[in-house]
Amino acid sequence: MRILIVTLLLIALQATYAHEVVNVGDGDSLTLQVGPKRLQLRLAGIDAPEMKQAFGPQARRSLHQLCFGKDVQYKAEAIDRFNRTVATVRCNGIDASRAQLERGMAWAFRQKDRDLKALEITARNNRVGLWSDPHPVPPWRFRYAGSQDATCHVGPRGGRYRWVNGRKMYGCP
C-alpha cells in the first residue's frame, strides 16, 4: 500500500513539472507544451534585446540553449498585456532569468529584487554579452525608436506617454 501511495505521489509531482519548452521567441519569452495546450511565458524580472536589435539573436540563442526541449518548472506571477504569463522559470533547475543576466543577455527590471540588479551590474562590469558594446540600447528605448510620433505627452493626471504604432505607451525615455 505504501509503495502504491509513493508511486502515485511521484507520478503526480512529475506531471506537475513536466512541461517541455517547444519554442523560444526571443531572449525573455518561450512557449511550453502543457498537456494538449501551449502556454506562452515571459521571464520575470528581465528585459532582453528585441530580435531586430543588437544582441537580440544572441539573447534568443542563449535562452534556446538553456531551455529548449527541456522540462521546466515555472511560478506564475502575472499576465502581461500580450496575454503571456509572466513567470519565474527554471530549466533543469537553473533560473532562466538569472542565467540570462549572468550571460549579459538582458537588463534587470529596476523595480525587481536587488539580486537580479547585482547580476546585471556584474555582467556590465565584466563586459559580458551585450555589455561588450560601449553603448547598449535598452529594449524599452529601442521600441520607442520606431514610434511615429516621438513627442512625449502629459496626461490629465500627470502621466507621461507617447503614441507608438497607434498605441498609447506610458513612460518616456
N, C-alpha and C. Protein backbone atom coordinates (compact mmCIF):
# COMPACT_ATOMS: atom_id res chain seq x y z
N MET A 1 0.82 -1.20 0.00
CA MET A 1 0.00 0.00 0.00
C MET A 1 0.87 1.26 0.00
N ARG A 2 1.92 1.27 0.83
CA ARG A 2 2.80 2.43 0.89
C ARG A 2 3.48 2.67 -0.47
N ILE A 3 3.89 1.59 -1.09
CA ILE A 3 4.56 1.71 -2.39
C ILE A 3 3.62 2.33 -3.41
N LEU A 4 2.38 1.94 -3.39
CA LEU A 4 1.38 2.49 -4.31
C LEU A 4 1.20 3.99 -4.07
N ILE A 5 1.08 4.39 -2.83
CA ILE A 5 0.90 5.81 -2.50
C ILE A 5 2.12 6.61 -2.92
N VAL A 6 3.31 6.12 -2.62
CA VAL A 6 4.54 6.81 -3.00
C VAL A 6 4.65 6.92 -4.52
N THR A 7 4.31 5.85 -5.23
CA THR A 7 4.35 5.86 -6.69
C THR A 7 3.38 6.89 -7.25
N LEU A 8 2.16 6.92 -6.72
CA LEU A 8 1.18 7.91 -7.18
C LEU A 8 1.64 9.33 -6.90
N LEU A 9 2.23 9.57 -5.76
CA LEU A 9 2.76 10.90 -5.45
C LEU A 9 3.87 11.29 -6.40
N LEU A 10 4.76 10.38 -6.70
CA LEU A 10 5.86 10.67 -7.63
C LEU A 10 5.34 10.97 -9.03
N ILE A 11 4.34 10.22 -9.46
CA ILE A 11 3.74 10.48 -10.78
C ILE A 11 3.07 11.84 -10.79
N ALA A 12 2.35 12.17 -9.72
CA ALA A 12 1.68 13.48 -9.64
C ALA A 12 2.69 14.60 -9.66
N LEU A 13 3.78 14.47 -8.92
CA LEU A 13 4.82 15.50 -8.91
C LEU A 13 5.47 15.63 -10.27
N GLN A 14 5.72 14.50 -10.92
CA GLN A 14 6.34 14.52 -12.23
C GLN A 14 5.44 15.23 -13.23
N ALA A 15 4.15 14.94 -13.21
CA ALA A 15 3.21 15.55 -14.14
C ALA A 15 3.12 17.05 -13.90
N THR A 16 3.24 17.48 -12.66
CA THR A 16 3.15 18.89 -12.33
C THR A 16 4.27 19.69 -12.99
N TYR A 17 5.45 19.12 -13.10
CA TYR A 17 6.61 19.86 -13.57
C TYR A 17 7.09 19.46 -14.96
N ALA A 18 6.47 18.50 -15.59
CA ALA A 18 6.94 18.02 -16.89
C ALA A 18 6.36 18.85 -18.03
N HIS A 19 6.78 20.10 -18.12
CA HIS A 19 6.34 20.98 -19.19
C HIS A 19 7.54 21.23 -20.10
N GLU A 20 7.44 20.79 -21.33
CA GLU A 20 8.56 20.91 -22.26
C GLU A 20 8.51 22.25 -22.99
N VAL A 21 9.68 22.88 -23.15
CA VAL A 21 9.78 24.11 -23.92
C VAL A 21 9.77 23.72 -25.39
N VAL A 22 8.80 24.25 -26.15
CA VAL A 22 8.67 23.91 -27.56
C VAL A 22 9.04 25.06 -28.49
N ASN A 23 9.20 26.26 -27.93
CA ASN A 23 9.60 27.41 -28.75
C ASN A 23 10.24 28.47 -27.87
N VAL A 24 11.26 29.13 -28.42
CA VAL A 24 11.88 30.27 -27.76
C VAL A 24 11.71 31.45 -28.70
N GLY A 25 10.91 32.42 -28.29
CA GLY A 25 10.60 33.56 -29.16
C GLY A 25 11.72 34.57 -29.24
N ASP A 26 12.28 34.90 -28.09
CA ASP A 26 13.40 35.83 -28.03
C ASP A 26 14.13 35.58 -26.72
N GLY A 27 14.90 36.54 -26.25
CA GLY A 27 15.73 36.33 -25.08
C GLY A 27 15.00 36.32 -23.75
N ASP A 28 13.69 36.63 -23.75
CA ASP A 28 12.95 36.62 -22.49
C ASP A 28 11.55 36.02 -22.61
N SER A 29 11.29 35.27 -23.68
CA SER A 29 9.98 34.63 -23.80
C SER A 29 10.11 33.26 -24.45
N LEU A 30 9.25 32.35 -23.98
CA LEU A 30 9.25 30.99 -24.51
C LEU A 30 7.87 30.39 -24.42
N THR A 31 7.67 29.27 -25.09
CA THR A 31 6.38 28.59 -25.11
C THR A 31 6.55 27.19 -24.57
N LEU A 32 5.64 26.81 -23.67
CA LEU A 32 5.65 25.48 -23.08
C LEU A 32 4.50 24.64 -23.63
N GLN A 33 4.73 23.34 -23.70
CA GLN A 33 3.66 22.40 -24.00
C GLN A 33 3.12 21.92 -22.66
N VAL A 34 1.89 22.29 -22.35
CA VAL A 34 1.26 21.92 -21.09
C VAL A 34 0.06 21.05 -21.44
N GLY A 35 0.27 19.74 -21.44
CA GLY A 35 -0.77 18.83 -21.88
C GLY A 35 -1.06 19.09 -23.35
N PRO A 36 -2.33 19.23 -23.72
CA PRO A 36 -2.66 19.49 -25.12
C PRO A 36 -2.52 20.97 -25.51
N LYS A 37 -2.29 21.83 -24.55
CA LYS A 37 -2.24 23.28 -24.82
C LYS A 37 -0.81 23.80 -24.79
N ARG A 38 -0.64 24.97 -25.38
CA ARG A 38 0.64 25.68 -25.32
C ARG A 38 0.47 26.93 -24.49
N LEU A 39 1.48 27.22 -23.69
CA LEU A 39 1.44 28.36 -22.78
C LEU A 39 2.63 29.26 -23.07
N GLN A 40 2.35 30.53 -23.37
CA GLN A 40 3.42 31.49 -23.62
C GLN A 40 3.85 32.11 -22.30
N LEU A 41 5.16 32.08 -22.06
CA LEU A 41 5.72 32.64 -20.83
C LEU A 41 6.68 33.77 -21.15
N ARG A 42 6.70 34.75 -20.28
CA ARG A 42 7.70 35.82 -20.31
C ARG A 42 8.48 35.70 -19.02
N LEU A 43 9.81 35.72 -19.12
CA LEU A 43 10.65 35.59 -17.93
C LEU A 43 10.47 36.81 -17.03
N ALA A 44 10.22 36.56 -15.77
CA ALA A 44 10.03 37.64 -14.80
C ALA A 44 11.36 38.29 -14.46
N GLY A 45 11.33 39.60 -14.29
CA GLY A 45 12.47 40.33 -13.76
C GLY A 45 13.50 40.80 -14.76
N ILE A 46 13.35 40.44 -16.05
CA ILE A 46 14.34 40.86 -17.04
C ILE A 46 13.67 41.40 -18.29
N ASP A 47 14.44 42.11 -19.09
CA ASP A 47 14.02 42.57 -20.41
C ASP A 47 15.21 42.36 -21.34
N ALA A 48 15.05 41.48 -22.31
CA ALA A 48 16.13 41.14 -23.24
C ALA A 48 16.00 41.99 -24.50
N PRO A 49 17.08 42.12 -25.27
CA PRO A 49 17.00 42.89 -26.52
C PRO A 49 15.97 42.30 -27.48
N GLU A 50 15.35 43.17 -28.27
CA GLU A 50 14.41 42.73 -29.30
C GLU A 50 15.18 42.00 -30.40
N MET A 51 14.49 41.16 -31.16
CA MET A 51 15.16 40.35 -32.18
C MET A 51 15.83 41.21 -33.26
N LYS A 52 15.28 42.37 -33.58
CA LYS A 52 15.87 43.23 -34.61
C LYS A 52 16.91 44.18 -34.02
N GLN A 53 17.21 44.01 -32.76
CA GLN A 53 18.13 44.88 -32.05
C GLN A 53 19.49 44.17 -31.92
N ALA A 54 20.54 44.95 -31.71
CA ALA A 54 21.86 44.36 -31.46
C ALA A 54 21.75 43.41 -30.26
N PHE A 55 22.32 42.25 -30.37
CA PHE A 55 22.34 41.19 -29.36
C PHE A 55 20.99 40.49 -29.18
N GLY A 56 19.97 40.86 -29.96
CA GLY A 56 18.69 40.16 -29.89
C GLY A 56 18.81 38.69 -30.28
N PRO A 57 19.41 38.38 -31.45
CA PRO A 57 19.57 36.97 -31.82
C PRO A 57 20.44 36.19 -30.83
N GLN A 58 21.48 36.83 -30.30
CA GLN A 58 22.34 36.15 -29.33
C GLN A 58 21.58 35.84 -28.04
N ALA A 59 20.74 36.77 -27.60
CA ALA A 59 19.94 36.55 -26.38
C ALA A 59 18.97 35.39 -26.60
N ARG A 60 18.37 35.33 -27.79
CA ARG A 60 17.46 34.21 -28.10
C ARG A 60 18.23 32.89 -28.11
N ARG A 61 19.39 32.86 -28.75
CA ARG A 61 20.20 31.64 -28.78
C ARG A 61 20.58 31.19 -27.37
N SER A 62 20.91 32.15 -26.52
CA SER A 62 21.28 31.84 -25.15
C SER A 62 20.13 31.15 -24.41
N LEU A 63 18.92 31.72 -24.52
CA LEU A 63 17.75 31.13 -23.86
C LEU A 63 17.39 29.78 -24.50
N HIS A 64 17.52 29.69 -25.81
CA HIS A 64 17.25 28.44 -26.52
C HIS A 64 18.18 27.34 -26.01
N GLN A 65 19.47 27.64 -25.90
CA GLN A 65 20.45 26.67 -25.42
C GLN A 65 20.14 26.24 -23.99
N LEU A 66 19.66 27.18 -23.20
CA LEU A 66 19.37 26.91 -21.79
C LEU A 66 18.10 26.08 -21.60
N CYS A 67 17.06 26.35 -22.41
CA CYS A 67 15.74 25.78 -22.10
C CYS A 67 15.10 24.91 -23.17
N PHE A 68 15.42 25.07 -24.44
CA PHE A 68 14.66 24.40 -25.50
C PHE A 68 14.70 22.89 -25.37
N GLY A 69 13.52 22.28 -25.46
CA GLY A 69 13.40 20.84 -25.40
C GLY A 69 13.56 20.26 -24.01
N LYS A 70 13.71 21.11 -23.03
CA LYS A 70 13.92 20.64 -21.66
C LYS A 70 12.64 20.81 -20.85
N ASP A 71 12.56 20.03 -19.78
CA ASP A 71 11.44 20.16 -18.86
C ASP A 71 11.70 21.34 -17.94
N VAL A 72 10.66 22.10 -17.67
CA VAL A 72 10.82 23.29 -16.83
C VAL A 72 9.79 23.31 -15.72
N GLN A 73 10.14 24.06 -14.70
CA GLN A 73 9.22 24.41 -13.63
C GLN A 73 8.99 25.91 -13.77
N TYR A 74 7.80 26.35 -13.48
CA TYR A 74 7.56 27.80 -13.51
C TYR A 74 6.61 28.19 -12.40
N LYS A 75 6.77 29.43 -11.97
CA LYS A 75 5.88 30.00 -10.95
C LYS A 75 5.30 31.27 -11.54
N ALA A 76 4.03 31.24 -11.85
CA ALA A 76 3.35 32.39 -12.46
C ALA A 76 3.29 33.55 -11.49
N GLU A 77 3.54 34.75 -12.02
CA GLU A 77 3.48 35.97 -11.20
C GLU A 77 2.41 36.94 -11.68
N ALA A 78 2.18 36.97 -13.00
CA ALA A 78 1.23 37.93 -13.56
C ALA A 78 0.92 37.56 -15.00
N ILE A 79 0.03 38.32 -15.62
CA ILE A 79 -0.27 38.21 -17.05
C ILE A 79 0.07 39.56 -17.65
N ASP A 80 0.87 39.58 -18.74
CA ASP A 80 1.23 40.85 -19.34
C ASP A 80 0.20 41.29 -20.38
N ARG A 81 0.42 42.43 -20.99
CA ARG A 81 -0.57 42.99 -21.92
C ARG A 81 -0.69 42.18 -23.21
N PHE A 82 0.26 41.29 -23.48
CA PHE A 82 0.20 40.42 -24.65
C PHE A 82 -0.38 39.04 -24.29
N ASN A 83 -0.97 38.94 -23.11
CA ASN A 83 -1.60 37.72 -22.60
C ASN A 83 -0.60 36.59 -22.37
N ARG A 84 0.65 36.95 -22.11
CA ARG A 84 1.64 35.94 -21.73
C ARG A 84 1.69 35.87 -20.21
N THR A 85 2.00 34.70 -19.70
CA THR A 85 2.17 34.52 -18.27
C THR A 85 3.58 34.96 -17.91
N VAL A 86 3.69 35.95 -17.03
CA VAL A 86 4.99 36.38 -16.53
C VAL A 86 5.34 35.44 -15.39
N ALA A 87 6.50 34.78 -15.49
CA ALA A 87 6.80 33.73 -14.53
C ALA A 87 8.30 33.62 -14.25
N THR A 88 8.60 33.09 -13.07
CA THR A 88 9.95 32.67 -12.74
C THR A 88 10.08 31.27 -13.32
N VAL A 89 11.07 31.07 -14.17
CA VAL A 89 11.22 29.82 -14.91
C VAL A 89 12.54 29.17 -14.55
N ARG A 90 12.48 27.87 -14.28
CA ARG A 90 13.68 27.08 -14.00
C ARG A 90 13.79 25.99 -15.05
N CYS A 91 14.89 25.99 -15.80
CA CYS A 91 15.14 24.99 -16.82
C CYS A 91 16.20 24.02 -16.28
N ASN A 92 15.80 22.78 -16.07
CA ASN A 92 16.70 21.78 -15.46
C ASN A 92 17.33 22.32 -14.19
N GLY A 93 16.54 23.03 -13.39
CA GLY A 93 16.99 23.53 -12.10
C GLY A 93 17.70 24.87 -12.14
N ILE A 94 17.91 25.44 -13.33
CA ILE A 94 18.61 26.73 -13.46
C ILE A 94 17.59 27.83 -13.68
N ASP A 95 17.67 28.89 -12.89
CA ASP A 95 16.78 30.04 -13.04
C ASP A 95 17.14 30.75 -14.34
N ALA A 96 16.22 30.74 -15.31
CA ALA A 96 16.49 31.28 -16.65
C ALA A 96 16.76 32.79 -16.62
N SER A 97 16.04 33.54 -15.81
CA SER A 97 16.26 34.99 -15.74
C SER A 97 17.66 35.30 -15.22
N ARG A 98 18.05 34.61 -14.17
CA ARG A 98 19.38 34.82 -13.60
C ARG A 98 20.47 34.44 -14.60
N ALA A 99 20.27 33.33 -15.30
CA ALA A 99 21.25 32.88 -16.28
C ALA A 99 21.40 33.89 -17.41
N GLN A 100 20.28 34.45 -17.88
CA GLN A 100 20.36 35.45 -18.95
C GLN A 100 21.12 36.69 -18.48
N LEU A 101 20.89 37.10 -17.25
CA LEU A 101 21.62 38.25 -16.71
C LEU A 101 23.10 37.95 -16.56
N GLU A 102 23.44 36.76 -16.04
CA GLU A 102 24.85 36.39 -15.87
C GLU A 102 25.58 36.33 -17.20
N ARG A 103 24.86 35.92 -18.25
CA ARG A 103 25.46 35.82 -19.59
C ARG A 103 25.50 37.18 -20.30
N GLY A 104 24.95 38.20 -19.66
CA GLY A 104 24.93 39.53 -20.27
C GLY A 104 23.95 39.62 -21.42
N MET A 105 22.83 38.93 -21.32
CA MET A 105 21.85 38.89 -22.40
C MET A 105 20.56 39.61 -22.07
N ALA A 106 20.53 40.38 -20.98
CA ALA A 106 19.30 41.07 -20.59
C ALA A 106 19.59 42.16 -19.57
N TRP A 107 18.61 43.03 -19.41
CA TRP A 107 18.61 44.05 -18.37
C TRP A 107 17.72 43.56 -17.24
N ALA A 108 18.06 43.89 -16.02
CA ALA A 108 17.19 43.61 -14.88
C ALA A 108 16.19 44.76 -14.76
N PHE A 109 14.93 44.42 -14.44
CA PHE A 109 13.95 45.47 -14.20
C PHE A 109 14.37 46.22 -12.94
N ARG A 110 14.32 47.51 -12.98
CA ARG A 110 14.76 48.33 -11.86
C ARG A 110 13.94 48.07 -10.59
N GLN A 111 12.63 47.82 -10.73
CA GLN A 111 11.79 47.66 -9.56
C GLN A 111 11.83 46.25 -8.99
N LYS A 112 12.54 45.35 -9.64
CA LYS A 112 12.61 43.97 -9.15
C LYS A 112 13.69 43.85 -8.09
N ASP A 113 13.90 42.63 -7.61
CA ASP A 113 14.81 42.42 -6.49
C ASP A 113 16.26 42.80 -6.81
N ARG A 114 16.99 43.11 -5.77
CA ARG A 114 18.36 43.60 -5.90
C ARG A 114 19.33 42.54 -6.37
N ASP A 115 19.01 41.26 -6.13
CA ASP A 115 19.89 40.18 -6.59
C ASP A 115 20.01 40.20 -8.11
N LEU A 116 18.88 40.40 -8.80
CA LEU A 116 18.92 40.45 -10.25
C LEU A 116 19.72 41.67 -10.74
N LYS A 117 19.51 42.80 -10.10
CA LYS A 117 20.25 44.00 -10.49
C LYS A 117 21.75 43.79 -10.27
N ALA A 118 22.12 43.11 -9.18
CA ALA A 118 23.54 42.83 -8.91
C ALA A 118 24.14 41.95 -10.00
N LEU A 119 23.37 40.99 -10.52
CA LEU A 119 23.86 40.14 -11.61
C LEU A 119 24.09 40.96 -12.88
N GLU A 120 23.18 41.89 -13.15
CA GLU A 120 23.35 42.78 -14.31
C GLU A 120 24.62 43.62 -14.15
N ILE A 121 24.81 44.19 -12.98
CA ILE A 121 25.97 45.04 -12.73
C ILE A 121 27.27 44.25 -12.88
N THR A 122 27.29 43.02 -12.40
CA THR A 122 28.49 42.18 -12.54
C THR A 122 28.79 41.92 -14.01
N ALA A 123 27.76 41.55 -14.79
CA ALA A 123 27.95 41.32 -16.23
C ALA A 123 28.41 42.60 -16.92
N ARG A 124 27.83 43.73 -16.52
CA ARG A 124 28.21 45.02 -17.11
C ARG A 124 29.68 45.34 -16.81
N ASN A 125 30.09 45.16 -15.56
CA ASN A 125 31.48 45.44 -15.18
C ASN A 125 32.48 44.52 -15.88
N ASN A 126 32.06 43.28 -16.15
CA ASN A 126 32.93 42.32 -16.84
C ASN A 126 32.80 42.38 -18.35
N ARG A 127 31.94 43.28 -18.86
CA ARG A 127 31.70 43.47 -20.29
C ARG A 127 31.32 42.15 -20.98
N VAL A 128 30.39 41.44 -20.35
CA VAL A 128 29.92 40.16 -20.87
C VAL A 128 28.71 40.40 -21.76
N GLY A 129 28.60 39.66 -22.86
CA GLY A 129 27.44 39.72 -23.73
C GLY A 129 27.19 41.11 -24.29
N LEU A 130 25.97 41.61 -24.14
CA LEU A 130 25.61 42.91 -24.70
C LEU A 130 26.39 44.05 -24.06
N TRP A 131 26.98 43.80 -22.92
CA TRP A 131 27.76 44.84 -22.24
C TRP A 131 29.13 45.03 -22.89
N SER A 132 29.48 44.19 -23.88
CA SER A 132 30.72 44.42 -24.63
C SER A 132 30.55 45.61 -25.58
N ASP A 133 29.31 45.97 -25.87
CA ASP A 133 29.01 47.16 -26.66
C ASP A 133 29.20 48.37 -25.77
N PRO A 134 29.93 49.39 -26.23
CA PRO A 134 30.16 50.55 -25.36
C PRO A 134 28.88 51.34 -25.04
N HIS A 135 27.86 51.26 -25.90
CA HIS A 135 26.62 52.00 -25.67
C HIS A 135 25.41 51.11 -26.00
N PRO A 136 25.15 50.09 -25.18
CA PRO A 136 23.98 49.24 -25.47
C PRO A 136 22.68 50.02 -25.29
N VAL A 137 21.74 49.74 -26.17
CA VAL A 137 20.45 50.43 -26.14
C VAL A 137 19.44 49.52 -25.44
N PRO A 138 18.85 49.99 -24.34
CA PRO A 138 17.84 49.17 -23.65
C PRO A 138 16.65 48.90 -24.58
N PRO A 139 16.04 47.74 -24.47
CA PRO A 139 14.92 47.41 -25.37
C PRO A 139 13.74 48.38 -25.27
N TRP A 140 13.49 48.93 -24.09
CA TRP A 140 12.37 49.88 -23.97
C TRP A 140 12.66 51.15 -24.75
N ARG A 141 13.91 51.53 -24.93
CA ARG A 141 14.25 52.69 -25.78
C ARG A 141 14.21 52.29 -27.25
N PHE A 142 14.68 51.09 -27.56
CA PHE A 142 14.66 50.60 -28.94
C PHE A 142 13.23 50.54 -29.46
N ARG A 143 12.30 50.10 -28.62
CA ARG A 143 10.91 50.02 -29.04
C ARG A 143 10.34 51.39 -29.38
N TYR A 144 10.77 52.42 -28.67
CA TYR A 144 10.31 53.78 -28.94
C TYR A 144 10.91 54.35 -30.22
N ALA A 145 12.04 53.82 -30.67
CA ALA A 145 12.71 54.35 -31.86
C ALA A 145 11.82 54.25 -33.09
N GLY A 146 10.95 53.25 -33.14
CA GLY A 146 10.05 53.07 -34.27
C GLY A 146 8.78 53.88 -34.16
N SER A 147 8.70 54.71 -33.14
CA SER A 147 7.50 55.50 -32.90
C SER A 147 7.25 56.49 -34.03
N GLN A 148 5.99 56.60 -34.47
CA GLN A 148 5.64 57.56 -35.50
C GLN A 148 5.63 58.98 -34.92
N ASP A 149 5.30 59.11 -33.67
CA ASP A 149 5.24 60.41 -33.01
C ASP A 149 6.17 60.35 -31.81
N ALA A 150 7.32 61.02 -31.91
CA ALA A 150 8.32 60.96 -30.85
C ALA A 150 8.01 61.94 -29.71
N THR A 151 6.88 62.64 -29.80
CA THR A 151 6.54 63.62 -28.80
C THR A 151 6.07 62.96 -27.52
N CYS A 152 6.58 63.45 -26.41
CA CYS A 152 6.15 62.97 -25.11
C CYS A 152 5.00 63.86 -24.65
N HIS A 153 3.88 63.23 -24.32
CA HIS A 153 2.69 63.96 -23.89
C HIS A 153 2.52 63.81 -22.38
N VAL A 154 1.79 64.75 -21.78
CA VAL A 154 1.46 64.67 -20.36
C VAL A 154 -0.05 64.56 -20.24
N GLY A 155 -0.51 63.50 -19.57
CA GLY A 155 -1.94 63.27 -19.42
C GLY A 155 -2.53 64.15 -18.34
N PRO A 156 -3.86 64.08 -18.15
CA PRO A 156 -4.55 64.93 -17.18
C PRO A 156 -4.12 64.69 -15.73
N ARG A 157 -3.60 63.50 -15.43
CA ARG A 157 -3.13 63.22 -14.07
C ARG A 157 -1.61 63.29 -13.96
N GLY A 158 -0.96 63.80 -14.99
CA GLY A 158 0.48 63.98 -14.93
C GLY A 158 1.29 62.83 -15.51
N GLY A 159 0.63 61.77 -15.98
CA GLY A 159 1.35 60.63 -16.56
C GLY A 159 1.93 60.99 -17.92
N ARG A 160 3.16 60.58 -18.17
CA ARG A 160 3.83 60.88 -19.44
C ARG A 160 3.66 59.69 -20.38
N TYR A 161 3.31 59.98 -21.66
CA TYR A 161 3.10 58.91 -22.63
C TYR A 161 3.47 59.36 -24.03
N ARG A 162 3.64 58.38 -24.93
CA ARG A 162 3.88 58.59 -26.35
C ARG A 162 2.92 57.70 -27.12
N TRP A 163 2.74 58.01 -28.39
CA TRP A 163 1.99 57.13 -29.28
C TRP A 163 3.01 56.29 -30.04
N VAL A 164 2.93 54.97 -29.87
CA VAL A 164 3.83 54.05 -30.54
C VAL A 164 2.99 53.06 -31.32
N ASN A 165 3.16 53.09 -32.65
CA ASN A 165 2.41 52.19 -33.53
C ASN A 165 0.91 52.23 -33.24
N GLY A 166 0.39 53.44 -33.01
CA GLY A 166 -1.03 53.62 -32.79
C GLY A 166 -1.51 53.29 -31.39
N ARG A 167 -0.58 52.95 -30.49
CA ARG A 167 -0.96 52.62 -29.11
C ARG A 167 -0.34 53.60 -28.14
N LYS A 168 -1.05 53.89 -27.08
CA LYS A 168 -0.54 54.78 -26.05
C LYS A 168 0.42 53.97 -25.16
N MET A 169 1.68 54.42 -25.09
CA MET A 169 2.69 53.75 -24.28
C MET A 169 3.14 54.72 -23.20
N TYR A 170 2.98 54.30 -21.94
CA TYR A 170 3.33 55.17 -20.83
C TYR A 170 4.83 55.14 -20.57
N GLY A 171 5.34 56.29 -20.12
CA GLY A 171 6.76 56.44 -19.85
C GLY A 171 7.48 56.97 -21.08
N CYS A 172 8.33 57.92 -20.87
CA CYS A 172 9.12 58.49 -21.96
C CYS A 172 10.59 58.32 -21.62
N PRO A 173 11.39 57.99 -22.63
CA PRO A 173 12.83 57.82 -22.35
C PRO A 173 13.52 59.13 -22.04
